Amino acid sequence: MATYDADMSEAALGNVSFRVENCSIERALAIVGEKWTLLVLREAFSGVRRFADMQAATGAPRQVLSARLTRLVEEGLLRKVPYREPGQRRRDEYRLTQMGLDLYPALIALMHWGDRHLSGQEGPPVILTHRGCGAVVEQHFRCAEGHQVAGPREVTPLPGPGARLSAAARAGSAGG
């Protein structure tokens, strides 16, 4: 099994002893791996629910925002909830589903990465604090036994029960 090295090329990563056809990262990115989608989710996590408010907060063109909201509803990350302002037509709010809420740690990890590597000398533009005590929110990885996991060198990828091994991986295991 290959070990992770920050200087590894994509070709070198091909030495991992298995590849799956149904990669969870690839499937997730097919849904959320686009700038406007992530900005829509950022606003949804901040409590923004209405189209006009989301457009103002993200700066997304109307057609792009409409397409992203439709896709997030279709994929089950958002749900539409009808509302009507007095004297106005019925409209929809967009609220996070449990599937959408489950993305919060990933979005915060992306934000923390941007804070660390892209914010410059002025520091992070937003700091998240715990509403209960006011402490800064941090993320930590732990294994099921409670040990802190510092990075990819402390992790071993193994095929999971749902893994569909690629043809190359199947051919390699048949010959070995």
Protein backbone atom coordinates (compact mmCIF):
# COMPACT_ATOMS: atom_id res chain seq x y z
CA MET A 1 0.00 0.00 0.00
CA ALA A 2 1.37 3.42 -0.91
CA THR A 3 2.01 5.94 1.82
CA TYR A 4 0.99 9.54 1.38
CA ASP A 5 3.63 12.08 0.50
CA ALA A 6 2.71 15.71 -0.12
CA ASP A 7 5.08 15.70 -3.12
CA MET A 8 3.49 12.65 -4.78
CA SER A 9 2.33 13.13 -8.32
CA GLU A 10 -1.01 11.81 -9.48
CA ALA A 11 0.85 9.01 -11.27
CA ALA A 12 2.61 8.03 -8.05
CA LEU A 13 -0.73 7.82 -6.27
CA GLY A 14 -1.63 5.14 -8.81
CA ASN A 15 0.46 2.74 -6.70
CA VAL A 16 -2.35 2.42 -4.15
CA SER A 17 -3.22 -1.27 -4.13
CA PHE A 18 -6.87 -0.72 -5.05
CA ARG A 19 -9.12 1.75 -6.87
CA VAL A 20 -12.87 1.95 -6.59
CA GLU A 21 -15.25 2.80 -9.41
CA ASN A 22 -17.77 4.29 -6.98
CA CYS A 23 -15.52 6.74 -5.11
CA SER A 24 -17.51 8.69 -2.48
CA ILE A 25 -15.39 11.82 -2.99
CA GLU A 26 -16.05 11.80 -6.72
CA ARG A 27 -19.79 11.26 -6.22
CA ALA A 28 -19.99 14.04 -3.62
CA LEU A 29 -18.10 16.45 -5.86
CA ALA A 30 -20.53 15.69 -8.68
CA ILE A 31 -23.19 17.31 -6.48
CA VAL A 32 -21.38 20.00 -4.46
CA GLY A 33 -18.06 20.55 -6.24
CA GLU A 34 -18.86 23.88 -7.84
CA LYS A 35 -18.33 27.41 -6.50
CA TRP A 36 -21.93 28.62 -6.57
CA THR A 37 -23.21 25.42 -4.96
CA LEU A 38 -20.82 25.80 -2.05
CA LEU A 39 -21.74 29.47 -1.65
CA VAL A 40 -25.44 28.56 -1.61
CA LEU A 41 -24.72 26.00 1.12
CA ARG A 42 -22.66 28.57 3.05
CA GLU A 43 -25.66 30.89 3.08
CA ALA A 44 -28.09 28.12 3.96
CA PHE A 45 -25.92 27.26 6.98
CA SER A 46 -26.05 30.94 7.93
CA GLY A 47 -29.85 30.85 7.94
CA VAL A 48 -30.53 32.41 4.53
CA ARG A 49 -33.62 30.73 3.07
CA ARG A 50 -35.12 32.95 0.40
CA PHE A 51 -34.03 33.27 -3.22
CA ALA A 52 -33.58 37.06 -3.26
CA ASP A 53 -31.59 37.00 -0.01
CA MET A 54 -29.43 34.16 -1.31
CA GLN A 55 -28.80 36.00 -4.56
CA ALA A 56 -27.81 39.16 -2.69
CA ALA A 57 -25.50 37.25 -0.33
CA THR A 58 -23.77 35.15 -3.01
CA GLY A 59 -23.83 37.49 -5.99
CA ALA A 60 -24.86 34.54 -8.16
CA PRO A 61 -26.60 35.31 -11.45
CA ARG A 62 -30.33 34.55 -11.21
CA GLN A 63 -30.23 31.63 -13.67
CA VAL A 64 -27.19 30.08 -12.00
CA LEU A 65 -28.72 30.37 -8.52
CA SER A 66 -31.99 28.89 -9.74
CA ALA A 67 -30.16 25.93 -11.30
CA ARG A 68 -28.07 25.32 -8.16
CA LEU A 69 -31.09 25.46 -5.85
CA THR A 70 -33.03 23.10 -8.13
CA ARG A 71 -30.13 20.63 -8.16
CA LEU A 72 -29.69 20.78 -4.37
CA VAL A 73 -33.41 20.09 -3.93
CA GLU A 74 -33.30 17.22 -6.46
CA GLU A 75 -30.29 15.68 -4.72
CA GLY A 76 -31.95 15.95 -1.29
CA LEU A 77 -29.66 18.54 0.36
CA LEU A 78 -32.33 21.24 0.45
CA ARG A 79 -36.11 21.11 0.63
CA LYS A 80 -38.62 23.69 -0.49
CA VAL A 81 -41.02 25.12 2.07
CA PRO A 82 -43.80 27.34 0.73
CA TYR A 83 -44.43 30.78 2.23
CA ARG A 84 -46.53 33.79 1.32
CA GLU A 85 -45.98 37.39 2.30
CA PRO A 86 -49.24 39.34 2.75
CA GLY A 87 -50.50 40.46 -0.66
CA GLN A 88 -47.83 38.48 -2.53
CA ARG A 89 -47.84 35.23 -4.49
CA ARG A 90 -46.73 31.97 -2.92
CA ARG A 91 -42.97 31.41 -3.00
CA ASP A 92 -40.56 28.82 -1.67
CA GLU A 93 -37.90 28.98 1.01
CA TYR A 94 -34.97 26.59 0.87
CA ARG A 95 -34.11 24.71 4.04
CA LEU A 96 -31.34 22.24 4.72
CA THR A 97 -32.26 18.59 5.05
CA GLN A 98 -30.30 16.21 7.27
CA MET A 99 -28.27 15.26 4.20
CA GLY A 100 -27.43 18.95 3.71
CA LEU A 101 -26.68 19.50 7.39
CA ASP A 102 -24.23 16.59 7.27
CA LEU A 103 -22.04 18.71 4.93
CA TYR A 104 -21.39 21.32 7.64
CA PRO A 105 -18.10 19.80 8.88
CA ALA A 106 -16.81 19.56 5.29
CA LEU A 107 -17.70 23.18 4.56
CA ILE A 108 -16.05 24.33 7.79
CA ALA A 109 -12.93 22.27 6.96
CA LEU A 110 -12.80 24.05 3.60
CA MET A 111 -13.19 27.41 5.34
CA HIS A 112 -10.42 26.60 7.83
CA TRP A 113 -8.15 25.53 4.97
CA GLY A 114 -8.83 28.86 3.22
CA ASP A 115 -8.16 30.71 6.49
CA ARG A 116 -4.82 28.94 6.91
CA HIS A 117 -3.57 29.19 3.35
CA LEU A 118 -5.37 32.05 1.58
CA SER A 119 -6.34 34.76 4.07
CA GLY A 120 -2.99 36.55 4.12
CA GLN A 121 -1.58 38.67 6.92
CA GLU A 122 -4.91 40.25 7.80
CA GLY A 123 -6.18 36.87 9.03
CA PRO A 124 -9.44 35.01 8.57
CA PRO A 125 -12.47 37.02 7.43
CA VAL A 126 -14.85 35.04 9.71
CA ILE A 127 -14.22 33.32 13.03
CA LEU A 128 -16.72 30.74 14.22
CA THR A 129 -17.44 30.57 17.93
CA HIS A 130 -19.48 28.19 20.02
CA ARG A 131 -22.78 29.85 20.93
CA GLY A 132 -22.78 28.14 24.33
CA CYS A 133 -19.41 29.35 25.64
CA GLY A 134 -17.90 31.70 23.06
CA ALA A 135 -14.81 29.57 22.37
CA VAL A 136 -13.44 29.38 18.83
CA VAL A 137 -14.70 26.32 16.91
CA GLU A 138 -11.97 23.84 15.97
CA GLN A 139 -12.09 20.57 14.05
CA HIS A 140 -10.28 17.40 15.05
CA PHE A 141 -10.14 13.94 13.54
CA ARG A 142 -10.29 10.90 15.78
CA CYS A 143 -10.49 7.19 15.11
CA ALA A 144 -13.31 5.10 16.56
CA GLU A 145 -11.06 4.34 19.57
CA GLY A 146 -10.67 8.06 20.31
CA HIS A 147 -7.08 8.56 19.12
CA GLN A 148 -6.28 11.90 17.48
CA VAL A 149 -5.45 11.50 13.77
CA ALA A 150 -3.00 14.19 12.69
CA GLY A 151 -3.05 13.60 8.95
CA PRO A 152 -3.10 11.22 6.00
CA ARG A 153 0.11 9.44 7.03
CA GLU A 154 -1.79 8.06 10.02
CA VAL A 155 -4.63 6.60 7.92
CA THR A 156 -4.79 3.37 5.91
CA PRO A 157 -7.45 3.23 3.18
CA LEU A 158 -9.09 -0.19 2.86
CA PRO A 159 -11.88 -1.30 0.53
CA GLY A 160 -15.23 -0.84 2.24
CA PRO A 161 -18.22 -3.17 2.01
CA GLY A 162 -19.64 -1.14 -0.88
CA ALA A 163 -16.41 -0.89 -2.89
CA ARG A 164 -16.65 -1.73 -6.57
CA LEU A 165 -13.03 -2.29 -7.51
CA SER A 166 -11.88 -0.91 -10.84
CA ALA A 167 -10.99 -3.31 -13.65
CA ALA A 168 -7.28 -2.54 -13.17
CA ALA A 169 -7.49 -3.30 -9.44
CA ARG A 170 -9.38 -6.55 -10.10
CA ALA A 171 -6.79 -7.58 -12.72
CA GLY A 172 -3.94 -6.77 -10.31
CA SER A 173 -5.46 -8.79 -7.48
CA ALA A 174 -6.12 -11.76 -9.80
CA GLY A 175 -2.48 -11.89 -10.84
CA GLY A 176 -1.05 -11.45 -7.33
